[in-house]
PDB file of N, CA and C in Angstrom:
ATOM      1  N   MET A   1       0.837  -1.164   0.000  1.00  0.00           N
ATOM      2  CA  MET A   1       0.000   0.000   0.000  1.00  0.00           C
ATOM      3  C   MET A   1       0.890   1.238   0.000  1.00  0.00           C
ATOM      4  N   THR A   2       1.265   1.691  -1.188  1.00  0.00           N
ATOM      5  CA  THR A   2       2.101   2.874  -1.295  1.00  0.00           C
ATOM      6  C   THR A   2       1.273   4.009  -1.860  1.00  0.00           C
ATOM      7  N   GLY A   3       1.475   5.181  -1.304  1.00  0.00           N
ATOM      8  CA  GLY A   3       0.736   6.340  -1.771  1.00  0.00           C
ATOM      9  C   GLY A   3       1.650   7.531  -1.887  1.00  0.00           C
ATOM     10  N   SER A   4       1.222   8.523  -2.624  1.00  0.00           N
ATOM     11  CA  SER A   4       2.052   9.702  -2.804  1.00  0.00           C
ATOM     12  C   SER A   4       1.736  10.763  -1.765  1.00  0.00           C
ATOM     13  N   ASP A   5       0.819  10.478  -0.847  1.00  0.00           N
ATOM     14  CA  ASP A   5       0.432  11.484   0.127  1.00  0.00           C
ATOM     15  C   ASP A   5       1.362  11.533   1.334  1.00  0.00           C
ATOM     16  N   GLY A   6       2.214  10.533   1.551  1.00  0.00           N
ATOM     17  CA  GLY A   6       3.125  10.516   2.689  1.00  0.00           C
ATOM     18  C   GLY A   6       4.562  10.440   2.234  1.00  0.00           C
ATOM     19  N   PRO A   7       5.492  10.689   3.150  1.00  0.00           N
ATOM     20  CA  PRO A   7       6.897  10.596   2.779  1.00  0.00           C
ATOM     21  C   PRO A   7       7.302   9.152   2.484  1.00  0.00           C
ATOM     22  N   ALA A   8       8.315   8.994   1.664  1.00  0.00           N
ATOM     23  CA  ALA A   8       8.805   7.647   1.334  1.00  0.00           C
ATOM     24  C   ALA A   8       9.408   7.006   2.581  1.00  0.00           C
ATOM     25  N   ALA A   9       9.227   5.703   2.694  1.00  0.00           N
ATOM     26  CA  ALA A   9       9.767   4.972   3.837  1.00  0.00           C
ATOM     27  C   ALA A   9      11.289   4.968   3.774  1.00  0.00           C
ATOM     28  N   GLN A  10      11.926   5.167   4.910  1.00  0.00           N
ATOM     29  CA  GLN A  10      13.385   5.128   4.981  1.00  0.00           C
ATOM     30  C   GLN A  10      13.832   3.685   4.808  1.00  0.00           C
ATOM     31  N   LEU A  11      14.797   3.470   3.933  1.00  0.00           N
ATOM     32  CA  LEU A  11      15.329   2.138   3.696  1.00  0.00           C
ATOM     33  C   LEU A  11      16.746   2.040   4.228  1.00  0.00           C
ATOM     34  N   TYR A  12      17.122   0.833   4.638  1.00  0.00           N
ATOM     35  CA  TYR A  12      18.458   0.568   5.151  1.00  0.00           C
ATOM     36  C   TYR A  12      19.067  -0.606   4.414  1.00  0.00           C
ATOM     37  N   GLU A  13      20.358  -0.534   4.155  1.00  0.00           N
ATOM     38  CA  GLU A  13      21.102  -1.650   3.582  1.00  0.00           C
ATOM     39  C   GLU A  13      21.677  -2.477   4.713  1.00  0.00           C
ATOM     40  N   ILE A  14      21.420  -3.758   4.682  1.00  0.00           N
ATOM     41  CA  ILE A  14      21.966  -4.694   5.662  1.00  0.00           C
ATOM     42  C   ILE A  14      22.998  -5.539   4.926  1.00  0.00           C
ATOM     43  N   THR A  15      24.244  -5.508   5.403  1.00  0.00           N
ATOM     44  CA  THR A  15      25.305  -6.319   4.812  1.00  0.00           C
ATOM     45  C   THR A  15      25.686  -7.392   5.818  1.00  0.00           C
ATOM     46  N   TYR A  16      25.549  -8.645   5.404  1.00  0.00           N
ATOM     47  CA  TYR A  16      25.926  -9.772   6.244  1.00  0.00           C
ATOM     48  C   TYR A  16      27.406 -10.036   6.008  1.00  0.00           C
ATOM     49  N   LEU A  17      28.216  -9.809   7.017  1.00  0.00           N
ATOM     50  CA  LEU A  17      29.671  -9.925   6.890  1.00  0.00           C
ATOM     51  C   LEU A  17      30.138 -11.347   7.151  1.00  0.00           C
ATOM     52  N   GLY A  18      31.160 -11.757   6.422  1.00  0.00           N
ATOM     53  CA  GLY A  18      31.778 -13.056   6.651  1.00  0.00           C
ATOM     54  C   GLY A  18      31.008 -14.234   6.108  1.00  0.00           C
ATOM     55  N   THR A  19      29.997 -14.016   5.280  1.00  0.00           N
ATOM     56  CA  THR A  19      29.217 -15.136   4.766  1.00  0.00           C
ATOM     57  C   THR A  19      29.869 -15.768   3.548  1.00  0.00           C
ATOM     58  N   CYS A  20      30.504 -15.005   2.720  1.00  0.00           N
ATOM     59  CA  CYS A  20      31.134 -15.470   1.487  1.00  0.00           C
ATOM     60  C   CYS A  20      32.188 -14.441   1.085  1.00  0.00           C
ATOM     61  N   PRO A  21      32.957 -14.749   0.039  1.00  0.00           N
ATOM     62  CA  PRO A  21      33.855 -13.708  -0.471  1.00  0.00           C
ATOM     63  C   PRO A  21      33.072 -12.447  -0.861  1.00  0.00           C
ATOM     64  N   GLN A  22      31.851 -12.633  -1.369  1.00  0.00           N
ATOM     65  CA  GLN A  22      30.973 -11.514  -1.712  1.00  0.00           C
ATOM     66  C   GLN A  22      29.885 -11.437  -0.642  1.00  0.00           C
ATOM     67  N   PRO A  23      29.882 -10.398   0.206  1.00  0.00           N
ATOM     68  CA  PRO A  23      28.873 -10.321   1.271  1.00  0.00           C
ATOM     69  C   PRO A  23      27.455 -10.234   0.724  1.00  0.00           C
ATOM     70  N   ASP A  24      26.512 -10.775   1.481  1.00  0.00           N
ATOM     71  CA  ASP A  24      25.096 -10.722   1.138  1.00  0.00           C
ATOM     72  C   ASP A  24      24.558  -9.362   1.576  1.00  0.00           C
ATOM     73  N   VAL A  25      23.953  -8.612   0.657  1.00  0.00           N
ATOM     74  CA  VAL A  25      23.415  -7.287   0.955  1.00  0.00           C
ATOM     75  C   VAL A  25      21.920  -7.299   0.666  1.00  0.00           C
ATOM     76  N   ARG A  26      21.156  -6.804   1.626  1.00  0.00           N
ATOM     77  CA  ARG A  26      19.702  -6.722   1.476  1.00  0.00           C
ATOM     78  C   ARG A  26      19.231  -5.341   1.880  1.00  0.00           C
ATOM     79  N   THR A  27      18.086  -4.953   1.371  1.00  0.00           N
ATOM     80  CA  THR A  27      17.494  -3.669   1.711  1.00  0.00           C
ATOM     81  C   THR A  27      16.214  -3.922   2.488  1.00  0.00           C
ATOM     82  N   VAL A  28      16.072  -3.233   3.634  1.00  0.00           N
ATOM     83  CA  VAL A  28      14.879  -3.393   4.468  1.00  0.00           C
ATOM     84  C   VAL A  28      14.349  -2.019   4.858  1.00  0.00           C
ATOM     85  N   LYS A  29      13.085  -1.996   5.241  1.00  0.00           N
ATOM     86  CA  LYS A  29      12.467  -0.767   5.729  1.00  0.00           C
ATOM     87  C   LYS A  29      12.922  -0.507   7.165  1.00  0.00           C
ATOM     88  N   ALA A  30      12.808   0.730   7.588  1.00  0.00           N
ATOM     89  CA  ALA A  30      13.250   1.131   8.923  1.00  0.00           C
ATOM     90  C   ALA A  30      12.628   0.277  10.027  1.00  0.00           C
ATOM     91  N   GLY A  31      11.365  -0.071   9.890  1.00  0.00           N
ATOM     92  CA  GLY A  31      10.678  -0.864  10.902  1.00  0.00           C
ATOM     93  C   GLY A  31      11.174  -2.296  11.017  1.00  0.00           C
ATOM     94  N   GLU A  32      11.936  -2.762  10.035  1.00  0.00           N
ATOM     95  CA  GLU A  32      12.431  -4.133  10.035  1.00  0.00           C
ATOM     96  C   GLU A  32      13.858  -4.259  10.574  1.00  0.00           C
ATOM     97  N   VAL A  33      14.532  -3.147  10.762  1.00  0.00           N
ATOM     98  CA  VAL A  33      15.942  -3.178  11.168  1.00  0.00           C
ATOM     99  C   VAL A  33      16.125  -3.871  12.515  1.00  0.00           C
ATOM    100  N   ALA A  34      15.306  -3.560  13.494  1.00  0.00           N
ATOM    101  CA  ALA A  34      15.450  -4.161  14.823  1.00  0.00           C
ATOM    102  C   ALA A  34      15.333  -5.683  14.762  1.00  0.00           C
ATOM    103  N   ALA A  35      14.402  -6.189  13.961  1.00  0.00           N
ATOM    104  CA  ALA A  35      14.235  -7.640  13.840  1.00  0.00           C
ATOM    105  C   ALA A  35      15.454  -8.278  13.184  1.00  0.00           C
ATOM    106  N   VAL A  36      16.039  -7.605  12.192  1.00  0.00           N
ATOM    107  CA  VAL A  36      17.232  -8.127  11.526  1.00  0.00           C
ATOM    108  C   VAL A  36      18.404  -8.177  12.499  1.00  0.00           C
ATOM    109  N   VAL A  37      18.581  -7.116  13.281  1.00  0.00           N
ATOM    110  CA  VAL A  37      19.665  -7.071  14.264  1.00  0.00           C
ATOM    111  C   VAL A  37      19.478  -8.157  15.320  1.00  0.00           C
ATOM    112  N   GLU A  38      18.266  -8.328  15.790  1.00  0.00           N
ATOM    113  CA  GLU A  38      17.986  -9.364  16.789  1.00  0.00           C
ATOM    114  C   GLU A  38      18.280 -10.757  16.225  1.00  0.00           C
ATOM    115  N   HIS A  39      17.840 -11.014  15.007  1.00  0.00           N
ATOM    116  CA  HIS A  39      18.079 -12.313  14.366  1.00  0.00           C
ATOM    117  C   HIS A  39      19.583 -12.570  14.205  1.00  0.00           C
ATOM    118  N   ALA A  40      20.311 -11.571  13.765  1.00  0.00           N
ATOM    119  CA  ALA A  40      21.753 -11.723  13.583  1.00  0.00           C
ATOM    120  C   ALA A  40      22.437 -12.011  14.922  1.00  0.00           C
ATOM    121  N   GLY A  41      22.020 -11.326  15.969  1.00  0.00           N
ATOM    122  CA  GLY A  41      22.607 -11.541  17.291  1.00  0.00           C
ATOM    123  C   GLY A  41      22.353 -12.939  17.826  1.00  0.00           C
ATOM    124  N   LYS A  42      21.164 -13.452  17.603  1.00  0.00           N
ATOM    125  CA  LYS A  42      20.829 -14.796  18.074  1.00  0.00           C
ATOM    126  C   LYS A  42      21.643 -15.871  17.363  1.00  0.00           C
ATOM    127  N   HIS A  43      22.036 -15.599  16.118  1.00  0.00           N
ATOM    128  CA  HIS A  43      22.757 -16.589  15.326  1.00  0.00           C
ATOM    129  C   HIS A  43      24.246 -16.292  15.191  1.00  0.00           C
ATOM    130  N   GLY A  44      24.746 -15.321  15.959  1.00  0.00           N
ATOM    131  CA  GLY A  44      26.172 -15.010  15.948  1.00  0.00           C
ATOM    132  C   GLY A  44      26.670 -14.419  14.638  1.00  0.00           C
ATOM    133  N   MET A  45      25.801 -13.754  13.912  1.00  0.00           N
ATOM    134  CA  MET A  45      26.172 -13.160  12.627  1.00  0.00           C
ATOM    135  C   MET A  45      26.616 -11.711  12.838  1.00  0.00           C
ATOM    136  N   GLN A  46      27.562 -11.300  12.023  1.00  0.00           N
ATOM    137  CA  GLN A  46      27.968  -9.900  12.026  1.00  0.00           C
ATOM    138  C   GLN A  46      27.308  -9.202  10.849  1.00  0.00           C
ATOM    139  N   ILE A  47      26.729  -8.040  11.125  1.00  0.00           N
ATOM    140  CA  ILE A  47      26.081  -7.281  10.068  1.00  0.00           C
ATOM    141  C   ILE A  47      26.517  -5.826  10.119  1.00  0.00           C
ATOM    142  N   LEU A  48      26.360  -5.166   9.004  1.00  0.00           N
ATOM    143  CA  LEU A  48      26.592  -3.734   8.886  1.00  0.00           C
ATOM    144  C   LEU A  48      25.273  -3.123   8.450  1.00  0.00           C
ATOM    145  N   VAL A  49      24.815  -2.096   9.168  1.00  0.00           N
ATOM    146  CA  VAL A  49      23.550  -1.446   8.854  1.00  0.00           C
ATOM    147  C   VAL A  49      23.844  -0.014   8.425  1.00  0.00           C
ATOM    148  N   ARG A  50      23.370   0.330   7.212  1.00  0.00           N
ATOM    149  CA  ARG A  50      23.584   1.688   6.698  1.00  0.00           C
ATOM    150  C   ARG A  50      22.287   2.210   6.083  1.00  0.00           C
ATOM    151  N   PRO A  51      21.997   3.487   6.264  1.00  0.00           N
ATOM    152  CA  PRO A  51      20.823   4.038   5.572  1.00  0.00           C
ATOM    153  C   PRO A  51      21.088   4.097   4.078  1.00  0.00           C
ATOM    154  N   CYS A  52      20.086   3.814   3.285  1.00  0.00           N
ATOM    155  CA  CYS A  52      20.219   3.918   1.828  1.00  0.00           C
ATOM    156  C   CYS A  52      20.264   5.391   1.468  1.00  0.00           C
ATOM    157  N   THR A  53      21.195   5.739   0.619  1.00  0.00           N
ATOM    158  CA  THR A  53      21.338   7.132   0.229  1.00  0.00           C
ATOM    159  C   THR A  53      20.814   7.391  -1.163  1.00  0.00           C
ATOM    160  N   HIS A  54      20.401   6.341  -1.861  1.00  0.00           N
ATOM    161  CA  HIS A  54      19.883   6.512  -3.216  1.00  0.00           C
ATOM    162  C   HIS A  54      18.485   5.919  -3.320  1.00  0.00           C
ATOM    163  N   PRO A  55      17.565   6.643  -3.947  1.00  0.00           N
ATOM    164  CA  PRO A  55      16.209   6.108  -4.108  1.00  0.00           C
ATOM    165  C   PRO A  55      16.165   5.025  -5.172  1.00  0.00           C
ATOM    166  N   ASN A  56      15.209   4.135  -5.060  1.00  0.00           N
ATOM    167  CA  ASN A  56      15.035   3.050  -6.029  1.00  0.00           C
ATOM    168  C   ASN A  56      13.847   3.358  -6.934  1.00  0.00           C
ATOM    169  N   ASP A  57      13.777   4.582  -7.444  1.00  0.00           N
ATOM    170  CA  ASP A  57      12.568   4.967  -8.156  1.00  0.00           C
ATOM    171  C   ASP A  57      12.733   5.144  -9.657  1.00  0.00           C
ATOM    172  N   GLY A  58      13.829   4.760 -10.249  1.00  0.00           N
ATOM    173  CA  GLY A  58      13.877   4.800 -11.701  1.00  0.00           C
ATOM    174  C   GLY A  58      15.171   5.320 -12.271  1.00  0.00           C
ATOM    175  N   PRO A  59      15.300   5.180 -13.566  1.00  0.00           N
ATOM    176  CA  PRO A  59      16.539   5.543 -14.248  1.00  0.00           C
ATOM    177  C   PRO A  59      16.553   7.009 -14.713  1.00  0.00           C
ATOM    178  N   ASP A  60      16.372   7.962 -13.794  1.00  0.00           N
ATOM    179  CA  ASP A  60      16.355   9.369 -14.169  1.00  0.00           C
ATOM    180  C   ASP A  60      17.668   9.814 -14.802  1.00  0.00           C
ATOM    181  N   THR A  61      18.799   9.304 -14.310  1.00  0.00           N
ATOM    182  CA  THR A  61      20.087   9.731 -14.852  1.00  0.00           C
ATOM    183  C   THR A  61      20.293   9.231 -16.273  1.00  0.00           C
ATOM    184  N   ARG A  62      19.691   8.113 -16.629  1.00  0.00           N
ATOM    185  CA  ARG A  62      19.812   7.592 -17.989  1.00  0.00           C
ATOM    186  C   ARG A  62      19.118   8.509 -18.991  1.00  0.00           C
ATOM    187  N   LYS A  63      17.979   9.076 -18.589  1.00  0.00           N
ATOM    188  CA  LYS A  63      17.270   9.994 -19.465  1.00  0.00           C
ATOM    189  C   LYS A  63      18.121  11.232 -19.740  1.00  0.00           C
ATOM    190  N   GLU A  64      18.788  11.741 -18.722  1.00  0.00           N
ATOM    191  CA  GLU A  64      19.638  12.918 -18.893  1.00  0.00           C
ATOM    192  C   GLU A  64      20.837  12.585 -19.771  1.00  0.00           C
ATOM    193  N   ALA A  65      21.404  11.406 -19.609  1.00  0.00           N
ATOM    194  CA  ALA A  65      22.572  11.008 -20.388  1.00  0.00           C
ATOM    195  C   ALA A  65      22.218  10.830 -21.861  1.00  0.00           C
ATOM    196  N   ALA A  66      20.982  10.411 -22.147  1.00  0.00           N
ATOM    197  CA  ALA A  66      20.563  10.181 -23.532  1.00  0.00           C
ATOM    198  C   ALA A  66      20.245  11.489 -24.243  1.00  0.00           C
ATOM    199  N   SER A  67      19.983  12.558 -23.510  1.00  0.00           N
ATOM    200  CA  SER A  67      19.597  13.848 -24.128  1.00  0.00           C
ATOM    201  C   SER A  67      20.763  14.554 -24.744  1.00  0.00           C
TER     202      SER A  67
END
C-alpha cells in the first residue's frame, strides 16, 4: 500500500559480513531493522547497517545522459 500522500519509507542496507567472499546485501524498511539485528545476534552473525542514500525509483540519470 504505497501512496504519494506521505513521505517515502526510509530504507536501510543490511550487509551480512563473513558469509562469502561476496557479502550478502539486502534492503529493508526502517521498521524491520530491529528484527534483523535481533536475528543476527541470536545466530552469531555480524552485520553492517547503513541508511540507503539513493532512491530506487527509476533511471532518471539515464534519461539525462541520452539527451
